[in-house]
């Protein structure tokens, strides 16, 4: 497995919002909402449980995890 590169700065709310929009628009998440507390509420399926993410870094980490899972599930094209 290839290790993820380290970041030079913490993710911002704007970056997390952009990733949340991408995940929802590509139907990888049903919903992702920024709460007034700075936490993010995410739901994978319309009838699924709501997860509470602690902040922008958790949203970016979720996006990376979903991206890694999707790439790992794809057969290599040659």
N, C-alpha and C. Protein backbone atom coordinates (compact mmCIF):
# COMPACT_ATOMS: atom_id res chain seq x y z
N UNK A 1 0.84 -1.17 0.00
CA UNK A 1 0.00 0.00 0.00
C UNK A 1 0.90 1.24 0.00
N UNK A 2 0.53 2.22 -0.79
CA UNK A 2 1.28 3.46 -0.87
C UNK A 2 0.80 4.39 0.24
N UNK A 3 1.72 4.89 1.09
CA UNK A 3 1.29 5.79 2.17
C UNK A 3 0.82 7.13 1.61
N UNK A 4 -0.14 7.71 2.29
CA UNK A 4 -0.63 9.02 1.89
C UNK A 4 0.41 10.07 2.23
N UNK A 5 0.56 11.07 1.36
CA UNK A 5 1.51 12.14 1.70
C UNK A 5 0.99 12.95 2.89
N UNK A 6 1.92 13.49 3.65
CA UNK A 6 1.51 14.30 4.79
C UNK A 6 1.16 15.71 4.32
N UNK A 7 0.26 16.33 5.03
CA UNK A 7 -0.18 17.68 4.69
C UNK A 7 0.71 18.69 5.39
N UNK A 8 0.83 19.86 4.76
CA UNK A 8 1.61 20.92 5.39
C UNK A 8 0.73 21.85 6.22
N UNK A 9 -0.60 21.72 6.09
CA UNK A 9 -1.52 22.54 6.87
C UNK A 9 -2.81 21.77 7.14
N UNK A 10 -3.55 22.25 8.12
CA UNK A 10 -4.83 21.62 8.45
C UNK A 10 -5.87 21.97 7.39
N UNK A 11 -6.79 21.05 7.08
CA UNK A 11 -7.86 21.35 6.13
C UNK A 11 -8.74 22.49 6.66
N UNK A 12 -9.22 23.30 5.76
CA UNK A 12 -10.11 24.41 6.11
C UNK A 12 -11.57 23.98 5.97
N UNK A 13 -12.44 24.78 6.51
CA UNK A 13 -13.88 24.51 6.36
C UNK A 13 -14.27 24.56 4.89
N UNK A 14 -13.67 25.49 4.13
CA UNK A 14 -13.98 25.60 2.70
C UNK A 14 -13.56 24.33 1.95
N UNK A 15 -12.38 23.80 2.28
CA UNK A 15 -11.92 22.56 1.64
C UNK A 15 -12.85 21.40 1.99
N UNK A 16 -13.22 21.31 3.25
CA UNK A 16 -14.13 20.25 3.68
C UNK A 16 -15.47 20.38 2.97
N UNK A 17 -15.95 21.61 2.83
CA UNK A 17 -17.21 21.84 2.13
C UNK A 17 -17.14 21.42 0.68
N UNK A 18 -16.01 21.71 0.04
CA UNK A 18 -15.85 21.31 -1.36
C UNK A 18 -15.85 19.79 -1.49
N UNK A 19 -15.13 19.11 -0.60
CA UNK A 19 -15.14 17.64 -0.63
C UNK A 19 -16.52 17.09 -0.33
N UNK A 20 -17.22 17.68 0.62
CA UNK A 20 -18.58 17.22 0.95
C UNK A 20 -19.49 17.36 -0.27
N UNK A 21 -19.38 18.48 -0.97
CA UNK A 21 -20.19 18.69 -2.19
C UNK A 21 -19.89 17.63 -3.24
N UNK A 22 -18.61 17.32 -3.42
CA UNK A 22 -18.21 16.31 -4.41
C UNK A 22 -18.77 14.94 -4.02
N UNK A 23 -18.63 14.57 -2.75
CA UNK A 23 -19.12 13.26 -2.31
C UNK A 23 -20.62 13.13 -2.49
N UNK A 24 -21.35 14.19 -2.21
CA UNK A 24 -22.81 14.15 -2.36
C UNK A 24 -23.18 14.17 -3.84
N UNK A 25 -22.53 15.02 -4.63
CA UNK A 25 -22.90 15.11 -6.05
C UNK A 25 -22.59 13.82 -6.81
N UNK A 26 -21.58 13.09 -6.37
CA UNK A 26 -21.25 11.80 -7.00
C UNK A 26 -21.96 10.63 -6.33
N UNK A 27 -22.87 10.95 -5.44
CA UNK A 27 -23.70 9.97 -4.73
C UNK A 27 -22.90 8.96 -3.93
N UNK A 28 -21.76 9.43 -3.40
CA UNK A 28 -20.96 8.61 -2.50
C UNK A 28 -21.42 8.81 -1.06
N UNK A 29 -22.12 9.91 -0.83
CA UNK A 29 -22.82 10.20 0.43
C UNK A 29 -24.20 10.71 0.08
N UNK A 30 -25.16 10.45 0.95
CA UNK A 30 -26.50 11.00 0.75
C UNK A 30 -26.54 12.47 1.16
N UNK A 31 -25.89 12.78 2.29
CA UNK A 31 -25.91 14.15 2.80
C UNK A 31 -24.66 14.43 3.61
N UNK A 32 -24.24 15.69 3.58
CA UNK A 32 -23.14 16.17 4.42
C UNK A 32 -23.45 17.62 4.74
N UNK A 33 -23.63 17.91 6.02
CA UNK A 33 -24.08 19.23 6.45
C UNK A 33 -23.15 19.75 7.55
N UNK A 34 -22.73 20.99 7.41
CA UNK A 34 -21.92 21.64 8.44
C UNK A 34 -22.86 22.17 9.52
N UNK A 35 -22.63 21.74 10.74
CA UNK A 35 -23.44 22.20 11.87
C UNK A 35 -22.85 23.51 12.42
N UNK A 36 -23.64 24.31 13.12
CA UNK A 36 -23.13 25.56 13.70
C UNK A 36 -21.96 25.36 14.66
N UNK A 37 -21.81 24.17 15.19
CA UNK A 37 -20.72 23.86 16.13
C UNK A 37 -19.39 23.61 15.44
N UNK A 38 -19.41 23.53 14.10
CA UNK A 38 -18.20 23.20 13.34
C UNK A 38 -18.09 21.71 13.04
N UNK A 39 -18.99 20.94 13.60
CA UNK A 39 -19.04 19.51 13.31
C UNK A 39 -19.76 19.31 11.98
N UNK A 40 -19.54 18.16 11.37
CA UNK A 40 -20.20 17.81 10.13
C UNK A 40 -21.10 16.61 10.38
N UNK A 41 -22.30 16.66 9.87
CA UNK A 41 -23.25 15.56 9.95
C UNK A 41 -23.29 14.90 8.58
N UNK A 42 -22.96 13.62 8.51
CA UNK A 42 -22.93 12.93 7.24
C UNK A 42 -23.81 11.68 7.31
N UNK A 43 -24.41 11.39 6.18
CA UNK A 43 -25.29 10.23 6.08
C UNK A 43 -24.99 9.53 4.76
N UNK A 44 -24.69 8.25 4.83
CA UNK A 44 -24.35 7.50 3.62
C UNK A 44 -25.57 7.17 2.77
N UNK A 45 -26.64 6.77 3.41
CA UNK A 45 -27.87 6.38 2.72
C UNK A 45 -29.04 7.15 3.34
N UNK A 46 -30.10 7.39 2.56
CA UNK A 46 -31.23 8.17 3.08
C UNK A 46 -31.81 7.62 4.39
N UNK A 47 -31.81 6.31 4.54
CA UNK A 47 -32.39 5.72 5.75
C UNK A 47 -31.31 5.26 6.74
N UNK A 48 -30.06 5.63 6.48
CA UNK A 48 -28.95 5.20 7.33
C UNK A 48 -28.73 6.12 8.51
N UNK A 49 -27.86 5.72 9.42
CA UNK A 49 -27.57 6.55 10.58
C UNK A 49 -26.77 7.80 10.18
N UNK A 50 -26.88 8.82 11.00
CA UNK A 50 -26.12 10.05 10.79
C UNK A 50 -24.85 9.96 11.62
N UNK A 51 -23.72 10.18 10.97
CA UNK A 51 -22.43 10.21 11.67
C UNK A 51 -22.07 11.65 11.97
N UNK A 52 -21.44 11.87 13.08
CA UNK A 52 -20.95 13.20 13.45
C UNK A 52 -19.44 13.20 13.30
N UNK A 53 -18.95 14.08 12.42
CA UNK A 53 -17.51 14.22 12.22
C UNK A 53 -17.06 15.48 12.96
N UNK A 54 -15.89 15.43 13.54
CA UNK A 54 -15.46 16.49 14.45
C UNK A 54 -15.04 17.79 13.79
N UNK A 55 -14.75 17.78 12.52
CA UNK A 55 -14.34 19.02 11.86
C UNK A 55 -13.86 18.78 10.45
N UNK A 56 -13.27 19.80 9.84
CA UNK A 56 -12.83 19.70 8.44
C UNK A 56 -11.85 18.55 8.19
N UNK A 57 -10.93 18.30 9.09
CA UNK A 57 -9.96 17.22 8.89
C UNK A 57 -10.67 15.87 8.79
N UNK A 58 -11.71 15.67 9.56
CA UNK A 58 -12.44 14.40 9.52
C UNK A 58 -13.18 14.23 8.19
N UNK A 59 -13.68 15.32 7.62
CA UNK A 59 -14.36 15.25 6.32
C UNK A 59 -13.35 14.91 5.23
N UNK A 60 -12.21 15.56 5.25
CA UNK A 60 -11.17 15.28 4.25
C UNK A 60 -10.68 13.85 4.40
N UNK A 61 -10.53 13.37 5.61
CA UNK A 61 -10.12 11.98 5.85
C UNK A 61 -11.18 11.01 5.32
N UNK A 62 -12.45 11.32 5.53
CA UNK A 62 -13.53 10.49 5.00
C UNK A 62 -13.47 10.45 3.48
N UNK A 63 -13.25 11.59 2.85
CA UNK A 63 -13.15 11.65 1.39
C UNK A 63 -11.98 10.78 0.92
N UNK A 64 -10.85 10.86 1.60
CA UNK A 64 -9.68 10.05 1.22
C UNK A 64 -9.97 8.57 1.38
N UNK A 65 -10.66 8.21 2.45
CA UNK A 65 -11.00 6.81 2.69
C UNK A 65 -11.94 6.28 1.60
N UNK A 66 -12.95 7.06 1.25
CA UNK A 66 -13.89 6.65 0.19
C UNK A 66 -13.15 6.52 -1.13
N UNK A 67 -12.31 7.49 -1.44
CA UNK A 67 -11.54 7.46 -2.68
C UNK A 67 -10.63 6.24 -2.72
N UNK A 68 -9.95 5.95 -1.63
CA UNK A 68 -9.07 4.79 -1.57
C UNK A 68 -9.86 3.49 -1.74
N UNK A 69 -11.00 3.40 -1.08
CA UNK A 69 -11.84 2.20 -1.18
C UNK A 69 -12.31 2.00 -2.62
N UNK A 70 -12.73 3.08 -3.27
CA UNK A 70 -13.22 2.96 -4.65
C UNK A 70 -12.10 2.59 -5.62
N UNK A 71 -10.92 3.15 -5.42
CA UNK A 71 -9.79 2.82 -6.29
C UNK A 71 -9.32 1.39 -6.07
N UNK A 72 -9.36 0.93 -4.84
CA UNK A 72 -8.92 -0.43 -4.52
C UNK A 72 -9.89 -1.47 -5.08
N UNK A 73 -11.15 -1.12 -5.21
CA UNK A 73 -12.15 -2.06 -5.70
C UNK A 73 -12.13 -2.19 -7.22
N UNK A 74 -11.53 -1.21 -7.90
CA UNK A 74 -11.46 -1.22 -9.36
C UNK A 74 -10.39 -2.18 -9.85
N UNK A 75 -10.74 -2.97 -10.87
CA UNK A 75 -9.67 -3.79 -11.47
C UNK A 75 -8.69 -2.88 -12.22
N UNK A 76 -7.44 -3.24 -12.19
CA UNK A 76 -6.42 -2.45 -12.89
C UNK A 76 -6.68 -2.49 -14.39
N UNK A 77 -6.63 -1.34 -15.03
CA UNK A 77 -6.81 -1.30 -16.49
C UNK A 77 -5.44 -1.31 -17.15
N UNK A 78 -5.29 -2.16 -18.13
CA UNK A 78 -4.02 -2.26 -18.85
C UNK A 78 -4.25 -2.31 -20.32
